[in-house]
Amino acid sequence: MTDSVRKLDFRSKLTHKQTLAWDALARSDVKEVLYGGAKGGGKSVFGCLWCFEKALDIIKLCKIGSRKHPIPVGFMGRKRGVDFTNTTLETWKRFIPEDMYEIKGKPAEIIVCGRVKILTGGLDNSDLINKFNSAEYAFFFLNQAEEIDAEQIGELRATFRLIINGVKVPGKGLFTANPAPSFLKDEFILNPTPDCLFIQALPTDNHHLGPEYIEVLKDSFRNRPELLKAYLEGSWDCLGGFNQVIRDEWVVIAGKLTLYPPAVKKLITCDPASYGDDETVIYYMANTEIKEAVIYGKKSLMHTANVLHTLSHKYDGCLIVIDVCGCGRPAD
């Protein structure tokens, strides 16, 4: 590997939608981009090319020379480390020039031009997640991000504080995903902030696939209309009933409901006792909550009747419930 870093022209190889995402990530007012939303949109390739280009840009921006210990500048991953290794990392090896990087360790560290390195792995690795607490990165790329929970990337988003040779590197985040119920739909499609953009890419946008790929998709998912609409047309709505106990649209509808407080039922209950060691127990209750209690022993039934009458008058003539029958007798 030579000491010089040659500049590569990736833009000329990008599709129109990839170019839109590339330019969006270069904007100073954009912090995160969700790219994709269907199968065959060139998501993984785009992510690998963008991460490699970011590493080269940081080397140039911060004037980083060859180093014995390359500087960590970013992270690439998926929910499961094994999936990243078997898919995304293999895509990297296919499209990135072999003489400009080397891969070391497990999880893999991609060392670019002997100067900086990109950490990789899965968010199922607790040791890796713990490292995010003290890490300082300039970018991250999460592939198949629909698999990931929002809580899993909180620490990763907080790593955007990288300063090299006195230069603060702006933080950027790239998510690629297929349509699926996840936090991505809310954050990038339904309720996006100005610094978060969604760039949709369909298989029809990717001229590298060829027309036969569309037919393969149609044939593969002809009995699964929800999946076909998502993978071919990029629909984020049609999967609301696919493989879910609680559908997305149900949650949306529930959030729009106006809840009224339930009616409060008030009553006075009485378990009377006249003589002996038993006690008369009287409760004024609002639903199941006891608001007032009157408990006494060795009092006449007329005394109890007067107590109940007084309480009923006090609480707007509410219902009186007696827990025994045949109590009527002449006054003592």
C-alpha atoms as a PDB file:
ATOM      1  CA  MET A   1       0.000   0.000   0.000  1.00  0.00           C
ATOM      2  CA  THR A   2       1.586   3.280  -1.097  1.00  0.00           C
ATOM      3  CA  ASP A   3       1.856   6.398   1.053  1.00  0.00           C
ATOM      4  CA  SER A   4      -0.176   8.484  -1.389  1.00  0.00           C
ATOM      5  CA  VAL A   5      -3.956   8.429  -1.501  1.00  0.00           C
ATOM      6  CA  ARG A   6      -5.434   8.482  -4.958  1.00  0.00           C
ATOM      7  CA  LYS A   7      -8.783  10.078  -5.615  1.00  0.00           C
ATOM      8  CA  LEU A   8     -11.511   7.868  -7.061  1.00  0.00           C
ATOM      9  CA  ASP A   9     -14.547   8.918  -9.077  1.00  0.00           C
ATOM     10  CA  PHE A  10     -17.507   7.007  -7.680  1.00  0.00           C
ATOM     11  CA  ARG A  11     -20.154   9.527  -8.723  1.00  0.00           C
ATOM     12  CA  SER A  12     -19.949   8.533 -12.371  1.00  0.00           C
ATOM     13  CA  LYS A  13     -21.016   4.992 -11.409  1.00  0.00           C
ATOM     14  CA  LEU A  14     -23.997   5.982  -9.281  1.00  0.00           C
ATOM     15  CA  THR A  15     -27.631   5.733 -10.313  1.00  0.00           C
ATOM     16  CA  HIS A  16     -29.751   8.881 -10.286  1.00  0.00           C
ATOM     17  CA  LYS A  17     -31.249   8.059  -6.874  1.00  0.00           C
ATOM     18  CA  GLN A  18     -27.840   7.164  -5.445  1.00  0.00           C
ATOM     19  CA  THR A  19     -26.567  10.522  -6.658  1.00  0.00           C
ATOM     20  CA  LEU A  20     -29.444  12.293  -4.897  1.00  0.00           C
ATOM     21  CA  ALA A  21     -28.594  10.510  -1.643  1.00  0.00           C
ATOM     22  CA  TRP A  22     -24.883  11.216  -2.099  1.00  0.00           C
ATOM     23  CA  ASP A  23     -25.532  14.933  -2.598  1.00  0.00           C
ATOM     24  CA  ALA A  24     -27.954  15.023   0.350  1.00  0.00           C
ATOM     25  CA  LEU A  25     -25.327  13.594   2.679  1.00  0.00           C
ATOM     26  CA  ALA A  26     -22.870  16.254   1.478  1.00  0.00           C
ATOM     27  CA  ARG A  27     -25.214  19.079   2.510  1.00  0.00           C
ATOM     28  CA  SER A  28     -24.307  20.940   5.690  1.00  0.00           C
ATOM     29  CA  ASP A  29     -27.951  21.097   6.796  1.00  0.00           C
ATOM     30  CA  VAL A  30     -28.507  17.328   6.553  1.00  0.00           C
ATOM     31  CA  LYS A  31     -27.425  15.061   9.383  1.00  0.00           C
ATOM     32  CA  GLU A  32     -29.026  11.720   8.484  1.00  0.00           C
ATOM     33  CA  VAL A  33     -30.376  10.080   5.347  1.00  0.00           C
ATOM     34  CA  LEU A  34     -32.627   7.066   4.923  1.00  0.00           C
ATOM     35  CA  TYR A  35     -31.900   5.595   1.507  1.00  0.00           C
ATOM     36  CA  GLY A  36     -33.778   2.793  -0.211  1.00  0.00           C
ATOM     37  CA  GLY A  37     -37.161   1.465   0.657  1.00  0.00           C
ATOM     38  CA  ALA A  38     -37.330  -1.474  -1.765  1.00  0.00           C
ATOM     39  CA  LYS A  39     -35.282  -4.451  -2.868  1.00  0.00           C
ATOM     40  CA  GLY A  40     -32.655  -3.989  -5.552  1.00  0.00           C
ATOM     41  CA  GLY A  41     -32.198  -0.247  -5.113  1.00  0.00           C
ATOM     42  CA  GLY A  42     -28.430  -0.546  -4.693  1.00  0.00           C
ATOM     43  CA  LYS A  43     -28.503   0.188  -0.970  1.00  0.00           C
ATOM     44  CA  SER A  44     -25.565  -1.902   0.261  1.00  0.00           C
ATOM     45  CA  VAL A  45     -23.284  -0.865  -2.593  1.00  0.00           C
ATOM     46  CA  PHE A  46     -24.129   2.779  -2.041  1.00  0.00           C
ATOM     47  CA  GLY A  47     -23.410   2.496   1.680  1.00  0.00           C
ATOM     48  CA  CYS A  48     -20.016   0.898   1.138  1.00  0.00           C
ATOM     49  CA  LEU A  49     -18.977   3.444  -1.501  1.00  0.00           C
ATOM     50  CA  TRP A  50     -20.112   6.341   0.676  1.00  0.00           C
ATOM     51  CA  CYS A  51     -18.248   5.107   3.769  1.00  0.00           C
ATOM     52  CA  PHE A  52     -15.052   4.617   1.774  1.00  0.00           C
ATOM     53  CA  GLU A  53     -15.364   8.089   0.250  1.00  0.00           C
ATOM     54  CA  LYS A  54     -16.000   9.575   3.718  1.00  0.00           C
ATOM     55  CA  ALA A  55     -12.826   7.975   5.003  1.00  0.00           C
ATOM     56  CA  LEU A  56     -10.827   9.447   2.101  1.00  0.00           C
ATOM     57  CA  ASP A  57     -12.396  12.873   2.649  1.00  0.00           C
ATOM     58  CA  ILE A  58     -11.451  12.831   6.329  1.00  0.00           C
ATOM     59  CA  ILE A  59      -7.870  11.897   5.474  1.00  0.00           C
ATOM     60  CA  LYS A  60      -7.674  14.888   3.151  1.00  0.00           C
ATOM     61  CA  LEU A  61      -9.620  17.331   5.351  1.00  0.00           C
ATOM     62  CA  CYS A  62      -7.590  16.576   8.482  1.00  0.00           C
ATOM     63  CA  LYS A  63      -4.260  16.067   6.686  1.00  0.00           C
ATOM     64  CA  ILE A  64      -3.718  12.592   8.137  1.00  0.00           C
ATOM     65  CA  GLY A  65      -0.495  10.817   7.200  1.00  0.00           C
ATOM     66  CA  SER A  66       0.381   7.139   7.462  1.00  0.00           C
ATOM     67  CA  ARG A  67       0.079   5.936  11.040  1.00  0.00           C
ATOM     68  CA  LYS A  68       1.066   2.955  13.110  1.00  0.00           C
ATOM     69  CA  HIS A  69      -2.320   3.190  14.825  1.00  0.00           C
ATOM     70  CA  PRO A  70      -5.041   4.322  12.374  1.00  0.00           C
ATOM     71  CA  ILE A  71      -7.672   6.697  13.745  1.00  0.00           C
ATOM     72  CA  PRO A  72     -11.238   5.347  14.139  1.00  0.00           C
ATOM     73  CA  VAL A  73     -13.529   7.589  12.102  1.00  0.00           C
ATOM     74  CA  GLY A  74     -16.761   5.657  11.556  1.00  0.00           C
ATOM     75  CA  PHE A  75     -18.891   2.557  12.013  1.00  0.00           C
ATOM     76  CA  MET A  76     -20.617   0.177   9.598  1.00  0.00           C
ATOM     77  CA  GLY A  77     -23.009  -2.474  10.830  1.00  0.00           C
ATOM     78  CA  ARG A  78     -26.255  -4.390  10.915  1.00  0.00           C
ATOM     79  CA  LYS A  79     -28.405  -5.688  13.726  1.00  0.00           C
ATOM     80  CA  ARG A  80     -26.538  -9.011  13.727  1.00  0.00           C
ATOM     81  CA  GLY A  81     -22.801  -9.157  13.257  1.00  0.00           C
ATOM     82  CA  VAL A  82     -22.951 -12.438  11.341  1.00  0.00           C
ATOM     83  CA  ASP A  83     -25.295 -10.869   8.779  1.00  0.00           C
ATOM     84  CA  PHE A  84     -22.958  -7.925   8.294  1.00  0.00           C
ATOM     85  CA  THR A  85     -19.991 -10.222   7.751  1.00  0.00           C
ATOM     86  CA  ASN A  86     -21.832 -12.461   5.302  1.00  0.00           C
ATOM     87  CA  THR A  87     -23.466  -9.693   3.252  1.00  0.00           C
ATOM     88  CA  THR A  88     -22.377  -6.069   3.661  1.00  0.00           C
ATOM     89  CA  LEU A  89     -18.700  -6.842   4.200  1.00  0.00           C
ATOM     90  CA  GLU A  90     -18.689  -9.046   1.108  1.00  0.00           C
ATOM     91  CA  THR A  91     -20.205  -6.154  -0.857  1.00  0.00           C
ATOM     92  CA  TRP A  92     -17.354  -3.947   0.377  1.00  0.00           C
ATOM     93  CA  LYS A  93     -14.795  -6.460  -0.867  1.00  0.00           C
ATOM     94  CA  ARG A  94     -16.423  -6.556  -4.312  1.00  0.00           C
ATOM     95  CA  PHE A  95     -16.618  -2.819  -4.943  1.00  0.00           C
ATOM     96  CA  ILE A  96     -13.761  -1.148  -3.028  1.00  0.00           C
ATOM     97  CA  PRO A  97     -10.230  -1.258  -4.573  1.00  0.00           C
ATOM     98  CA  GLU A  98      -8.245  -3.948  -2.763  1.00  0.00           C
ATOM     99  CA  ASP A  99      -5.011  -1.960  -2.649  1.00  0.00           C
ATOM    100  CA  MET A 100      -6.597   0.880  -0.655  1.00  0.00           C
ATOM    101  CA  TYR A 101      -7.688  -0.989   2.461  1.00  0.00           C
ATOM    102  CA  GLU A 102      -7.004  -3.979   4.667  1.00  0.00           C
ATOM    103  CA  ILE A 103      -9.231  -5.856   7.076  1.00  0.00           C
ATOM    104  CA  LYS A 104      -8.070  -6.898  10.526  1.00  0.00           C
ATOM    105  CA  GLY A 105      -9.628  -8.476  13.601  1.00  0.00           C
ATOM    106  CA  LYS A 106     -13.030  -9.788  14.612  1.00  0.00           C
ATOM    107  CA  PRO A 107     -15.284  -7.840  14.463  1.00  0.00           C
ATOM    108  CA  ALA A 108     -13.528  -6.570  11.361  1.00  0.00           C
ATOM    109  CA  GLU A 109     -11.753  -3.228  11.345  1.00  0.00           C
ATOM    110  CA  ILE A 110     -11.361  -1.785   7.855  1.00  0.00           C
ATOM    111  CA  ILE A 111      -8.130   0.212   7.666  1.00  0.00           C
ATOM    112  CA  VAL A 112      -8.211   2.715   4.820  1.00  0.00           C
ATOM    113  CA  CYS A 113      -4.880   3.725   3.280  1.00  0.00           C
ATOM    114  CA  GLY A 114      -3.038   3.013   6.540  1.00  0.00           C
ATOM    115  CA  ARG A 115      -4.428   6.205   8.084  1.00  0.00           C
ATOM    116  CA  VAL A 116      -7.961   5.763   9.407  1.00  0.00           C
ATOM    117  CA  LYS A 117     -10.184   2.813  10.214  1.00  0.00           C
ATOM    118  CA  ILE A 118     -13.879   1.986  10.091  1.00  0.00           C
ATOM    119  CA  LEU A 119     -15.184  -0.269  12.841  1.00  0.00           C
ATOM    120  CA  THR A 120     -17.790  -2.846  11.864  1.00  0.00           C
ATOM    121  CA  GLY A 121     -20.069  -5.373  13.490  1.00  0.00           C
ATOM    122  CA  GLY A 122     -23.529  -6.092  14.815  1.00  0.00           C
ATOM    123  CA  LEU A 123     -25.636  -4.253  17.348  1.00  0.00           C
ATOM    124  CA  ASP A 124     -26.226  -7.626  18.983  1.00  0.00           C
ATOM    125  CA  ASN A 125     -22.683  -7.365  20.396  1.00  0.00           C
ATOM    126  CA  SER A 126     -22.966  -5.786  23.857  1.00  0.00           C
ATOM    127  CA  ASP A 127     -19.203  -5.202  24.080  1.00  0.00           C
ATOM    128  CA  LEU A 128     -19.349  -3.218  20.848  1.00  0.00           C
ATOM    129  CA  ILE A 129     -22.311  -1.174  22.045  1.00  0.00           C
ATOM    130  CA  ASN A 130     -20.437  -0.315  25.248  1.00  0.00           C
ATOM    131  CA  LYS A 131     -17.556   1.050  23.196  1.00  0.00           C
ATOM    132  CA  PHE A 132     -19.893   3.638  21.676  1.00  0.00           C
ATOM    133  CA  ASN A 133     -20.052   5.385  25.069  1.00  0.00           C
ATOM    134  CA  SER A 134     -16.525   6.731  24.643  1.00  0.00           C
ATOM    135  CA  ALA A 135     -16.163   6.530  20.859  1.00  0.00           C
ATOM    136  CA  GLU A 136     -15.735   9.573  18.605  1.00  0.00           C
ATOM    137  CA  TYR A 137     -16.886   9.050  15.025  1.00  0.00           C
ATOM    138  CA  ALA A 138     -17.650  11.196  12.011  1.00  0.00           C
ATOM    139  CA  PHE A 139     -20.161   8.859  10.376  1.00  0.00           C
ATOM    140  CA  PHE A 140     -22.078   5.610  10.595  1.00  0.00           C
ATOM    141  CA  PHE A 141     -23.797   3.355   8.076  1.00  0.00           C
ATOM    142  CA  LEU A 142     -26.476   0.920   9.248  1.00  0.00           C
ATOM    143  CA  ASN A 143     -27.546  -1.565   6.594  1.00  0.00           C
ATOM    144  CA  GLN A 144     -31.008  -3.208   6.705  1.00  0.00           C
ATOM    145  CA  ALA A 145     -31.833  -0.719   9.425  1.00  0.00           C
ATOM    146  CA  GLU A 146     -35.483  -1.799   9.536  1.00  0.00           C
ATOM    147  CA  GLU A 147     -34.228  -4.683  11.701  1.00  0.00           C
ATOM    148  CA  ILE A 148     -32.903  -2.301  14.356  1.00  0.00           C
ATOM    149  CA  ASP A 149     -34.655  -0.710  17.340  1.00  0.00           C
ATOM    150  CA  ALA A 150     -34.273   3.033  17.886  1.00  0.00           C
ATOM    151  CA  GLU A 151     -32.855   2.419  21.370  1.00  0.00           C
ATOM    152  CA  GLN A 152     -29.961   0.454  19.879  1.00  0.00           C
ATOM    153  CA  ILE A 153     -28.599   3.414  17.978  1.00  0.00           C
ATOM    154  CA  GLY A 154     -28.907   6.098  20.641  1.00  0.00           C
ATOM    155  CA  GLU A 155     -25.297   5.706  21.749  1.00  0.00           C
ATOM    156  CA  LEU A 156     -24.107   5.571  18.145  1.00  0.00           C
ATOM    157  CA  ARG A 157     -25.795   8.856  17.327  1.00  0.00           C
ATOM    158  CA  ALA A 158     -24.012  10.432  20.287  1.00  0.00           C
ATOM    159  CA  THR A 159     -20.543   9.664  18.876  1.00  0.00           C
ATOM    160  CA  PHE A 160     -20.521  12.629  16.461  1.00  0.00           C
ATOM    161  CA  ARG A 161     -17.768  14.584  18.181  1.00  0.00           C
ATOM    162  CA  LEU A 162     -14.656  13.661  16.207  1.00  0.00           C
ATOM    163  CA  ILE A 163     -11.839  16.227  16.094  1.00  0.00           C
ATOM    164  CA  ILE A 164      -8.590  15.400  14.276  1.00  0.00           C
ATOM    165  CA  ASN A 165      -5.611  17.775  14.124  1.00  0.00           C
ATOM    166  CA  GLY A 166      -7.844  20.563  15.375  1.00  0.00           C
ATOM    167  CA  VAL A 167     -10.497  19.993  12.693  1.00  0.00           C
ATOM    168  CA  LYS A 168     -14.056  19.188  13.802  1.00  0.00           C
ATOM    169  CA  VAL A 169     -15.553  16.676  11.361  1.00  0.00           C
ATOM    170  CA  PRO A 170     -19.348  17.063  10.879  1.00  0.00           C
ATOM    171  CA  GLY A 171     -21.273  13.910  11.818  1.00  0.00           C
ATOM    172  CA  LYS A 172     -23.342  12.055   9.228  1.00  0.00           C
ATOM    173  CA  GLY A 173     -25.596   9.017   9.493  1.00  0.00           C
ATOM    174  CA  LEU A 174     -26.786   6.733   6.687  1.00  0.00           C
ATOM    175  CA  PHE A 175     -29.592   4.204   7.063  1.00  0.00           C
ATOM    176  CA  THR A 176     -30.525   1.793   4.286  1.00  0.00           C
ATOM    177  CA  ALA A 177     -33.678  -0.272   4.626  1.00  0.00           C
ATOM    178  CA  ASN A 178     -36.532  -2.160   3.074  1.00  0.00           C
ATOM    179  CA  PRO A 179     -40.046  -1.031   4.052  1.00  0.00           C
ATOM    180  CA  ALA A 180     -41.060  -2.437   7.426  1.00  0.00           C
ATOM    181  CA  PRO A 181     -42.785  -1.223  10.594  1.00  0.00           C
ATOM    182  CA  SER A 182     -39.958   0.533  12.478  1.00  0.00           C
ATOM    183  CA  PHE A 183     -38.780   3.843  13.896  1.00  0.00           C
ATOM    184  CA  LEU A 184     -37.526   4.789  10.417  1.00  0.00           C
ATOM    185  CA  LYS A 185     -41.050   5.305   9.107  1.00  0.00           C
ATOM    186  CA  ASP A 186     -41.844   7.802  11.839  1.00  0.00           C
ATOM    187  CA  GLU A 187     -38.504   9.648  11.849  1.00  0.00           C
ATOM    188  CA  PHE A 188     -37.937   9.914   8.094  1.00  0.00           C
ATOM    189  CA  ILE A 189     -41.346   9.622   6.399  1.00  0.00           C
ATOM    190  CA  LEU A 190     -44.220  10.583   8.702  1.00  0.00           C
ATOM    191  CA  ASN A 191     -42.569  13.124  11.013  1.00  0.00           C
ATOM    192  CA  PRO A 192     -39.142  14.040   9.620  1.00  0.00           C
ATOM    193  CA  THR A 193     -37.059  16.881  11.012  1.00  0.00           C
ATOM    194  CA  PRO A 194     -35.375  19.267   8.557  1.00  0.00           C
ATOM    195  CA  ASP A 195     -31.995  17.546   8.988  1.00  0.00           C
ATOM    196  CA  CYS A 196     -33.335  14.044   8.194  1.00  0.00           C
ATOM    197  CA  LEU A 197     -34.130  13.119   4.581  1.00  0.00           C
ATOM    198  CA  PHE A 198     -35.657  10.080   2.903  1.00  0.00           C
ATOM    199  CA  ILE A 199     -34.416   9.229  -0.589  1.00  0.00           C
ATOM    200  CA  GLN A 200     -36.501   6.431  -2.071  1.00  0.00           C
ATOM    201  CA  ALA A 201     -34.819   3.978  -4.438  1.00  0.00           C
ATOM    202  CA  LEU A 202     -36.756   1.307  -6.312  1.00  0.00           C
ATOM    203  CA  PRO A 203     -35.437  -1.612  -8.355  1.00  0.00           C
ATOM    204  CA  THR A 204     -36.629   0.227 -11.458  1.00  0.00           C
ATOM    205  CA  ASP A 205     -34.191   3.034 -10.587  1.00  0.00           C
ATOM    206  CA  ASN A 206     -31.203   0.681 -10.687  1.00  0.00           C
ATOM    207  CA  HIS A 207     -30.096   0.192 -14.288  1.00  0.00           C
ATOM    208  CA  HIS A 208     -27.484  -2.339 -13.157  1.00  0.00           C
ATOM    209  CA  LEU A 209     -30.174  -4.924 -12.352  1.00  0.00           C
ATOM    210  CA  GLY A 210     -31.706  -5.501 -15.755  1.00  0.00           C
ATOM    211  CA  PRO A 211     -35.422  -6.062 -16.483  1.00  0.00           C
ATOM    212  CA  GLU A 212     -35.297  -9.732 -15.513  1.00  0.00           C
ATOM    213  CA  TYR A 213     -34.865  -8.814 -11.822  1.00  0.00           C
ATOM    214  CA  ILE A 214     -38.326  -7.218 -11.743  1.00  0.00           C
ATOM    215  CA  GLU A 215     -39.831 -10.427 -13.096  1.00  0.00           C
ATOM    216  CA  VAL A 216     -37.941 -12.429 -10.487  1.00  0.00           C
ATOM    217  CA  LEU A 217     -39.446 -10.273  -7.740  1.00  0.00           C
ATOM    218  CA  LYS A 218     -42.946 -10.619  -9.143  1.00  0.00           C
ATOM    219  CA  ASP A 219     -42.576 -14.371  -9.427  1.00  0.00           C
ATOM    220  CA  SER A 220     -40.990 -14.819  -5.994  1.00  0.00           C
ATOM    221  CA  PHE A 221     -43.680 -12.874  -4.129  1.00  0.00           C
ATOM    222  CA  ARG A 222     -46.737 -13.380  -6.311  1.00  0.00           C
ATOM    223  CA  ASN A 223     -48.538 -15.045  -3.382  1.00  0.00           C
ATOM    224  CA  ARG A 224     -47.468 -12.340  -0.932  1.00  0.00           C
ATOM    225  CA  PRO A 225     -49.011  -9.087  -2.216  1.00  0.00           C
ATOM    226  CA  GLU A 226     -47.927  -7.117   0.859  1.00  0.00           C
ATOM    227  CA  LEU A 227     -44.286  -8.027   0.367  1.00  0.00           C
ATOM    228  CA  LEU A 228     -44.405  -7.507  -3.379  1.00  0.00           C
ATOM    229  CA  LYS A 229     -45.841  -4.020  -2.997  1.00  0.00           C
ATOM    230  CA  ALA A 230     -43.163  -3.185  -0.427  1.00  0.00           C
ATOM    231  CA  TYR A 231     -40.183  -4.696  -2.248  1.00  0.00           C
ATOM    232  CA  LEU A 232     -41.175  -3.569  -5.748  1.00  0.00           C
ATOM    233  CA  GLU A 233     -42.979  -0.279  -5.155  1.00  0.00           C
ATOM    234  CA  GLY A 234     -41.387   0.734  -1.866  1.00  0.00           C
ATOM    235  CA  SER A 235     -44.683   0.980   0.028  1.00  0.00           C
ATOM    236  CA  TRP A 236     -44.287   1.560   3.765  1.00  0.00           C
ATOM    237  CA  ASP A 237     -48.023   1.185   4.406  1.00  0.00           C
ATOM    238  CA  CYS A 238     -48.882  -2.226   3.018  1.00  0.00           C
ATOM    239  CA  LEU A 239     -46.935  -4.190   5.624  1.00  0.00           C
ATOM    240  CA  GLY A 240     -49.157  -3.038   8.469  1.00  0.00           C
ATOM    241  CA  GLY A 241     -50.737  -6.499   8.685  1.00  0.00           C
ATOM    242  CA  PHE A 242     -47.739  -8.596   7.733  1.00  0.00           C
ATOM    243  CA  ASN A 243     -46.315 -10.691  10.553  1.00  0.00           C
ATOM    244  CA  GLN A 244     -47.652  -8.305  13.199  1.00  0.00           C
ATOM    245  CA  VAL A 245     -49.930  -8.768  16.180  1.00  0.00           C
ATOM    246  CA  ILE A 246     -50.588  -5.020  16.471  1.00  0.00           C
ATOM    247  CA  ARG A 247     -50.774  -3.231  13.147  1.00  0.00           C
ATOM    248  CA  ASP A 248     -49.225   0.185  12.533  1.00  0.00           C
ATOM    249  CA  GLU A 249     -52.511   1.733  11.482  1.00  0.00           C
ATOM    250  CA  TRP A 250     -54.129   0.579  14.727  1.00  0.00           C
ATOM    251  CA  VAL A 251     -51.483   2.432  16.719  1.00  0.00           C
ATOM    252  CA  VAL A 252     -52.005   5.564  14.622  1.00  0.00           C
ATOM    253  CA  ILE A 253     -55.775   5.412  15.107  1.00  0.00           C
ATOM    254  CA  ALA A 254     -55.389   4.845  18.848  1.00  0.00           C
ATOM    255  CA  GLY A 255     -53.158   7.896  19.108  1.00  0.00           C
ATOM    256  CA  LYS A 256     -55.922  10.054  17.630  1.00  0.00           C
ATOM    257  CA  LEU A 257     -58.622   8.881  20.041  1.00  0.00           C
ATOM    258  CA  THR A 258     -59.949  11.281  22.659  1.00  0.00           C
ATOM    259  CA  LEU A 259     -60.334   9.505  25.975  1.00  0.00           C
ATOM    260  CA  TYR A 260     -63.014  10.673  28.385  1.00  0.00           C
ATOM    261  CA  PRO A 261     -62.792   9.924  32.101  1.00  0.00           C
ATOM    262  CA  PRO A 262     -65.124   7.092  33.132  1.00  0.00           C
ATOM    263  CA  ALA A 263     -68.271   7.909  35.099  1.00  0.00           C
ATOM    264  CA  VAL A 264     -67.814   7.807  38.886  1.00  0.00           C
ATOM    265  CA  LYS A 265     -70.383   5.642  40.641  1.00  0.00           C
ATOM    266  CA  LYS A 266     -71.037   6.725  44.215  1.00  0.00           C
ATOM    267  CA  LEU A 267     -72.749   4.604  46.845  1.00  0.00           C
ATOM    268  CA  ILE A 268     -72.976   3.969  50.572  1.00  0.00           C
ATOM    269  CA  THR A 269     -72.620   0.401  51.740  1.00  0.00           C
ATOM    270  CA  CYS A 270     -73.633  -0.905  55.118  1.00  0.00           C
ATOM    271  CA  ASP A 271     -73.099  -4.209  56.897  1.00  0.00           C
ATOM    272  CA  PRO A 272     -75.251  -3.667  60.009  1.00  0.00           C
ATOM    273  CA  ALA A 273     -74.939  -5.245  63.443  1.00  0.00           C
ATOM    274  CA  SER A 274     -77.121  -4.619  66.481  1.00  0.00           C
ATOM    275  CA  TYR A 275     -75.730  -6.387  69.510  1.00  0.00           C
ATOM    276  CA  GLY A 276     -72.898  -8.578  70.683  1.00  0.00           C
ATOM    277  CA  ASP A 277     -69.319  -8.208  69.541  1.00  0.00           C
ATOM    278  CA  ASP A 278     -70.110  -7.526  65.855  1.00  0.00           C
ATOM    279  CA  GLU A 279     -69.570  -4.047  64.417  1.00  0.00           C
ATOM    280  CA  THR A 280     -71.588  -2.083  61.936  1.00  0.00           C
ATOM    281  CA  VAL A 281     -69.414  -1.101  58.975  1.00  0.00           C
ATOM    282  CA  ILE A 282     -70.473   1.752  56.705  1.00  0.00           C
ATOM    283  CA  TYR A 283     -68.432   2.923  53.672  1.00  0.00           C
ATOM    284  CA  TYR A 284     -68.984   5.804  51.328  1.00  0.00           C
ATOM    285  CA  MET A 285     -67.339   4.696  48.051  1.00  0.00           C
ATOM    286  CA  ALA A 286     -66.503   6.296  44.706  1.00  0.00           C
ATOM    287  CA  ASN A 287     -66.257   3.337  42.366  1.00  0.00           C
ATOM    288  CA  THR A 288     -63.988   0.951  44.304  1.00  0.00           C
ATOM    289  CA  GLU A 289     -62.248   3.612  46.412  1.00  0.00           C
ATOM    290  CA  ILE A 290     -63.342   4.066  50.033  1.00  0.00           C
ATOM    291  CA  LYS A 291     -63.762   7.792  50.662  1.00  0.00           C
ATOM    292  CA  GLU A 292     -65.254   7.680  54.187  1.00  0.00           C
ATOM    293  CA  ALA A 293     -65.698   4.939  56.764  1.00  0.00           C
ATOM    294  CA  VAL A 294     -67.953   4.792  59.823  1.00  0.00           C
ATOM    295  CA  ILE A 295     -67.476   1.769  62.075  1.00  0.00           C
ATOM    296  CA  TYR A 296     -69.076   1.204  65.466  1.00  0.00           C
ATOM    297  CA  GLY A 297     -70.577  -1.490  67.675  1.00  0.00           C
ATOM    298  CA  LYS A 298     -73.564  -1.970  69.979  1.00  0.00           C
ATOM    299  CA  LYS A 299     -75.830   0.640  68.408  1.00  0.00           C
ATOM    300  CA  SER A 300     -79.503   0.320  67.553  1.00  0.00           C
ATOM    301  CA  LEU A 301     -80.790  -0.098  64.002  1.00  0.00           C
ATOM    302  CA  MET A 302     -82.415   3.348  64.217  1.00  0.00           C
ATOM    303  CA  HIS A 303     -79.012   4.839  64.994  1.00  0.00           C
ATOM    304  CA  THR A 304     -77.639   3.127  61.891  1.00  0.00           C
ATOM    305  CA  ALA A 305     -80.595   4.348  59.821  1.00  0.00           C
ATOM    306  CA  ASN A 306     -79.905   7.915  60.952  1.00  0.00           C
ATOM    307  CA  VAL A 307     -76.193   7.598  60.065  1.00  0.00           C
ATOM    308  CA  LEU A 308     -77.054   6.315  56.591  1.00  0.00           C
ATOM    309  CA  HIS A 309     -79.596   9.087  56.045  1.00  0.00           C
ATOM    310  CA  THR A 310     -77.081  11.750  57.099  1.00  0.00           C
ATOM    311  CA  LEU A 311     -74.345  10.348  54.821  1.00  0.00           C
ATOM    312  CA  SER A 312     -76.714  10.082  51.878  1.00  0.00           C
ATOM    313  CA  HIS A 313     -77.737  13.701  52.336  1.00  0.00           C
ATOM    314  CA  LYS A 314     -74.060  14.697  52.624  1.00  0.00           C
ATOM    315  CA  TYR A 315     -73.218  13.000  49.318  1.00  0.00           C
ATOM    316  CA  ASP A 316     -76.100  14.273  47.192  1.00  0.00           C
ATOM    317  CA  GLY A 317     -78.591  11.539  47.977  1.00  0.00           C
ATOM    318  CA  CYS A 318     -76.447   8.713  46.655  1.00  0.00           C
ATOM    319  CA  LEU A 319     -77.595   5.100  46.663  1.00  0.00           C
ATOM    320  CA  ILE A 320     -77.538   3.114  49.932  1.00  0.00           C
ATOM    321  CA  VAL A 321     -76.834  -0.624  49.802  1.00  0.00           C
ATOM    322  CA  ILE A 322     -77.603  -2.783  52.845  1.00  0.00           C
ATOM    323  CA  ASP A 323     -75.799  -6.121  53.227  1.00  0.00           C
ATOM    324  CA  VAL A 324     -78.591  -7.925  55.082  1.00  0.00           C
ATOM    325  CA  CYS A 325     -82.326  -8.427  54.786  1.00  0.00           C
ATOM    326  CA  GLY A 326     -85.074  -8.343  57.437  1.00  0.00           C
ATOM    327  CA  CYS A 327     -83.513  -5.716  59.696  1.00  0.00           C
ATOM    328  CA  GLY A 328     -86.792  -3.867  60.315  1.00  0.00           C
ATOM    329  CA  ARG A 329     -87.856  -3.851  63.951  1.00  0.00           C
ATOM    330  CA  PRO A 330     -89.449  -1.422  66.362  1.00  0.00           C
ATOM    331  CA  ALA A 331     -87.109   1.243  67.670  1.00  0.00           C
ATOM    332  CA  ASP A 332     -85.209   0.211  70.758  1.00  0.00           C
END
